[in-house]
Protein backbone atom coordinates (compact mmCIF):
# COMPACT_ATOMS: atom_id res chain seq x y z
CA MET A 1 -12.53 20.39 -13.36
CA THR A 2 -9.16 18.83 -14.13
CA SER A 3 -9.07 15.34 -15.57
CA ILE A 4 -7.37 12.30 -14.12
CA THR A 5 -4.87 12.49 -16.98
CA GLU A 6 -3.95 16.07 -16.02
CA ASN A 7 -3.75 15.20 -12.33
CA LEU A 8 -1.56 12.22 -13.12
CA ALA A 9 0.85 14.40 -15.09
CA VAL A 10 1.18 16.80 -12.13
CA LEU A 11 1.64 13.87 -9.75
CA ARG A 12 4.39 12.33 -11.87
CA GLU A 13 6.19 15.66 -12.00
CA ARG A 14 6.11 15.86 -8.20
CA MET A 15 7.44 12.33 -7.99
CA ALA A 16 10.18 13.05 -10.51
CA ARG A 17 11.43 16.04 -8.50
CA ALA A 18 11.55 13.97 -5.31
CA ALA A 19 13.30 11.11 -7.10
CA VAL A 20 15.98 13.49 -8.41
CA THR A 21 16.60 14.65 -4.84
CA ALA A 22 16.89 11.01 -3.78
CA GLY A 23 19.23 10.21 -6.66
CA ARG A 24 17.10 7.52 -8.25
CA PRO A 25 14.68 7.18 -11.19
CA ALA A 26 11.04 8.13 -10.68
CA ALA A 27 10.19 4.89 -12.50
CA ASP A 28 11.35 3.04 -9.37
CA VAL A 29 8.25 4.28 -7.53
CA THR A 30 4.86 2.62 -8.16
CA ILE A 31 1.64 4.62 -7.88
CA VAL A 32 -1.26 2.86 -6.16
CA ALA A 33 -4.40 4.84 -6.97
CA VAL A 34 -6.58 4.87 -3.85
CA SER A 35 -9.93 4.23 -5.47
CA LYS A 36 -12.09 3.61 -2.40
CA THR A 37 -15.57 5.15 -2.86
CA GLN A 38 -14.79 5.90 -6.51
CA PRO A 39 -17.26 4.44 -9.03
CA VAL A 40 -16.22 1.82 -11.56
CA ASP A 41 -16.29 4.32 -14.43
CA THR A 42 -13.80 6.54 -12.62
CA VAL A 43 -11.50 3.61 -11.95
CA ARG A 44 -11.77 2.62 -15.59
CA ALA A 45 -10.82 6.17 -16.62
CA ALA A 46 -7.79 6.01 -14.33
CA ARG A 47 -6.78 2.70 -15.85
CA ASP A 48 -7.15 4.17 -19.34
CA ALA A 49 -4.93 7.08 -18.25
CA GLY A 50 -2.14 4.60 -17.56
CA LEU A 51 -2.62 3.53 -13.95
CA GLY A 52 -2.44 -0.16 -13.21
CA HIS A 53 -2.51 -0.48 -9.42
CA PHE A 54 -5.57 0.34 -7.30
CA GLY A 55 -6.00 0.42 -3.52
CA GLU A 56 -9.27 -0.31 -1.73
CA ASN A 57 -10.32 -0.17 1.92
CA TYR A 58 -13.86 -1.54 1.85
CA VAL A 59 -14.08 -5.20 0.91
CA GLN A 60 -17.65 -5.40 -0.36
CA GLU A 61 -17.28 -2.29 -2.52
CA ALA A 62 -13.93 -3.48 -3.84
CA VAL A 63 -15.10 -6.95 -4.85
CA ALA A 64 -17.72 -5.42 -7.14
CA LYS A 65 -15.04 -3.37 -8.90
CA ILE A 66 -12.56 -6.21 -9.07
CA THR A 67 -15.18 -8.48 -10.63
CA GLN A 68 -15.60 -6.01 -13.48
CA LEU A 69 -12.00 -4.89 -13.94
CA ARG A 70 -9.76 -7.66 -12.62
CA ASP A 71 -7.91 -8.47 -15.83
CA ALA A 72 -6.91 -4.86 -16.35
CA ALA A 73 -5.56 -3.98 -12.91
CA THR A 74 -3.61 -5.09 -9.85
CA TRP A 75 -5.63 -4.77 -6.65
CA HIS A 76 -4.21 -3.83 -3.25
CA TYR A 77 -6.12 -4.12 0.01
CA ILE A 78 -5.01 -1.17 2.15
CA GLY A 79 -7.59 -1.13 4.96
CA GLY A 80 -7.49 -2.77 8.33
CA VAL A 81 -7.83 -6.55 8.04
CA GLN A 82 -10.61 -8.01 10.15
CA ALA A 83 -10.69 -11.76 10.67
CA ASN A 84 -14.15 -12.07 9.12
CA LYS A 85 -12.89 -10.41 5.91
CA THR A 86 -9.78 -12.50 5.29
CA ARG A 87 -11.44 -15.01 2.96
CA ALA A 88 -12.74 -12.29 0.63
CA ILE A 89 -9.39 -10.50 0.69
CA ALA A 90 -7.44 -13.70 0.05
CA THR A 91 -9.76 -14.64 -2.80
CA HIS A 92 -10.04 -11.36 -4.68
CA PHE A 93 -6.97 -9.20 -4.08
CA ASP A 94 -3.45 -9.43 -5.49
CA TRP A 95 -1.81 -7.60 -2.59
CA VAL A 96 -2.60 -6.93 1.05
CA GLN A 97 -0.53 -4.13 2.56
CA THR A 98 -1.84 -4.15 6.11
CA VAL A 99 -0.84 -7.45 7.72
CA ALA A 100 0.01 -6.81 11.36
CA SER A 101 -0.39 -10.14 13.18
CA PRO A 102 0.49 -13.82 12.73
CA ARG A 103 -3.19 -14.78 13.11
CA ILE A 104 -4.26 -12.66 10.15
CA ALA A 105 -1.33 -13.88 8.06
CA GLU A 106 -2.18 -17.51 8.81
CA ARG A 107 -5.83 -16.99 7.85
CA LEU A 108 -4.87 -15.33 4.57
CA ALA A 109 -2.49 -18.17 3.73
CA ALA A 110 -5.07 -20.84 4.53
CA GLN A 111 -7.77 -19.08 2.50
CA ARG A 112 -5.73 -18.07 -0.55
CA PRO A 113 -6.94 -20.20 -3.48
CA HIS A 114 -4.48 -22.88 -4.54
CA TYR A 115 -4.98 -22.05 -8.22
CA GLY A 116 -3.94 -18.40 -7.85
CA ALA A 117 -0.60 -16.66 -7.62
CA PRO A 118 0.74 -16.08 -4.10
CA LEU A 119 -0.82 -13.15 -2.26
CA GLN A 120 1.72 -10.32 -2.10
CA VAL A 121 2.10 -9.07 1.47
CA CYS A 122 3.37 -5.95 3.17
CA LEU A 123 3.59 -5.68 6.94
CA GLN A 124 2.03 -2.50 8.34
CA VAL A 125 4.42 -0.73 10.72
CA GLN A 126 2.95 0.99 13.75
CA PRO A 127 3.70 4.72 14.05
CA GLU A 128 5.50 6.21 17.05
CA PRO A 129 4.15 7.06 19.51
CA ALA A 130 1.88 4.13 18.76
CA ALA A 131 -1.23 5.26 20.67
CA ALA A 132 -4.07 3.06 19.40
CA ARG A 133 -2.90 3.01 15.78
CA SER A 134 -2.83 -0.12 13.68
CA GLY A 135 0.36 -1.90 12.84
CA VAL A 136 3.14 -4.03 14.24
CA ALA A 137 5.73 -2.51 16.55
CA GLY A 138 9.26 -2.34 15.20
CA ALA A 139 10.54 -4.75 17.84
CA ASP A 140 8.03 -7.37 16.72
CA LEU A 141 8.71 -7.06 12.99
CA PRO A 142 11.42 -9.75 12.70
CA ALA A 143 9.18 -12.44 14.21
CA LEU A 144 6.19 -11.48 12.06
CA ALA A 145 8.33 -11.33 8.92
CA ALA A 146 9.65 -14.81 9.65
CA THR A 147 6.11 -16.12 10.13
CA VAL A 148 4.82 -14.64 6.87
CA ALA A 149 7.88 -15.74 4.90
CA GLY A 150 7.27 -19.30 6.05
CA LEU A 151 3.59 -19.49 5.12
CA PRO A 152 2.37 -21.07 1.88
CA ARG A 153 0.62 -18.99 -0.79
CA LEU A 154 1.97 -15.73 0.64
CA ARG A 155 4.96 -13.75 -0.60
CA LEU A 156 6.47 -11.18 1.74
CA ARG A 157 7.27 -8.05 -0.29
CA GLY A 158 8.01 -5.35 2.25
CA LEU A 159 6.60 -2.78 4.65
CA MET A 160 3.70 -0.32 4.57
CA PHE A 161 3.53 2.76 6.77
CA MET A 162 0.96 5.42 7.58
CA PRO A 163 2.24 8.15 9.94
CA LEU A 164 0.23 9.90 12.58
CA PRO A 165 -1.63 12.96 11.25
CA GLY A 166 -0.43 16.47 11.92
CA LEU A 167 3.33 15.87 12.01
CA ASP A 168 5.60 18.67 10.89
CA GLN A 169 8.05 17.94 8.09
CA GLN A 170 10.95 17.22 10.43
CA ALA A 171 8.97 14.70 12.48
CA LEU A 172 7.46 13.16 9.36
CA ARG A 173 10.87 12.69 7.78
CA ALA A 174 12.17 11.11 10.97
CA GLU A 175 9.31 8.59 10.95
CA PHE A 176 9.91 7.67 7.30
CA ARG A 177 13.59 7.21 8.05
CA ARG A 178 12.79 4.97 11.00
CA VAL A 179 10.67 2.71 8.81
CA ARG A 180 13.35 2.66 6.12
CA ARG A 181 15.83 1.45 8.73
CA LEU A 182 13.43 -1.32 9.75
CA PHE A 183 13.10 -2.29 6.07
CA ASP A 184 16.88 -2.36 5.62
CA ALA A 185 17.31 -4.45 8.77
CA LEU A 186 14.90 -7.09 7.48
CA ARG A 187 16.75 -7.22 4.18
CA ALA A 188 20.07 -7.55 6.00
CA ALA A 189 18.56 -10.46 7.93
CA GLY A 190 17.95 -12.27 4.65
CA HIS A 191 14.40 -11.34 3.62
CA ASP A 192 14.02 -10.69 -0.10
CA LEU A 193 12.08 -7.42 0.15
CA ASP A 194 11.54 -4.89 -2.63
CA THR A 195 8.57 -2.75 -1.52
CA LEU A 196 8.46 0.16 0.90
CA SER A 197 4.93 1.58 0.70
CA MET A 198 5.10 5.07 2.22
CA GLY A 199 3.59 8.39 1.20
CA MET A 200 0.19 9.71 0.23
CA SER A 201 -1.06 12.80 -1.62
CA GLU A 202 0.29 15.35 0.86
CA ASP A 203 3.60 13.78 1.90
CA LEU A 204 4.71 11.61 -1.02
CA GLY A 205 7.67 13.88 -1.87
CA ILE A 206 9.27 13.40 1.53
CA ALA A 207 8.46 9.69 1.46
CA ILE A 208 10.19 9.21 -1.90
CA GLU A 209 13.21 11.18 -0.71
CA GLU A 210 13.41 8.79 2.25
CA GLY A 211 13.23 5.61 0.18
CA SER A 212 9.61 4.86 -0.65
CA THR A 213 9.10 2.56 -3.64
CA MET A 214 5.29 2.77 -3.62
CA VAL A 215 2.95 5.70 -2.94
CA ARG A 216 -0.77 5.46 -2.21
CA VAL A 217 -2.55 8.41 -3.83
CA GLY A 218 -6.24 9.31 -3.83
CA THR A 219 -7.02 13.01 -3.59
CA ALA A 220 -4.18 14.13 -5.87
CA LEU A 221 -5.59 11.92 -8.62
CA PHE A 222 -9.35 11.95 -8.10
CA GLY A 223 -9.97 15.17 -6.20
CA ALA A 224 -12.10 15.34 -3.07
CA ARG A 225 -13.45 11.92 -2.21
CA PRO A 226 -17.18 11.29 -2.59
CA SER A 227 -19.20 9.88 0.29
CA GLN A 228 -18.49 6.26 1.18
CA ALA A 229 -20.39 3.91 -1.12
CA GLY A 230 -21.39 1.64 1.74
């Protein structure tokens, strides 16, 4: 069995090759280790290997890990945000990458503790064709960005995107480019954005070539995911 350290070295080499193609340093791309269902000891080993950002989908499971490891890591919520989970997310996480409606943004702002740093926010972009997938449509992004930017205790950082499964490389690249254009349009409109969260274990090379500044990686670091912890 390969270790997290060995997997991380392979991952960074993949990222470096993609960054060269894109004409920018690999250091410009942040790795978020997707640690959902991974035990605390595994997350600790990943932290000791040099990873500092961790992504979680399940609030109850994540809070237990954050309670033990908060001072040594930055925590990203990357699952769908339900209204009854916003208080826990606002209280415990550093980032939330999946904001897709004004209502959720307003709840997070109201419930973010006054004593903490602002909650870092990415808006989740809906894939095309949208079907029933989560996210905000491209046409609605400017209004949502303006709402989030105007709320207290939130800081709008950028966009997050998860494409539909099963796309070929040409279609996948086209989707990443579409989201990059949306990102650039928001910046041109005056939003101070620095984060484009695109790419996972299988497609991170294409995502980096198309402008991603943050990749969300689970399998390539930890191997096959264990059963959900509950």
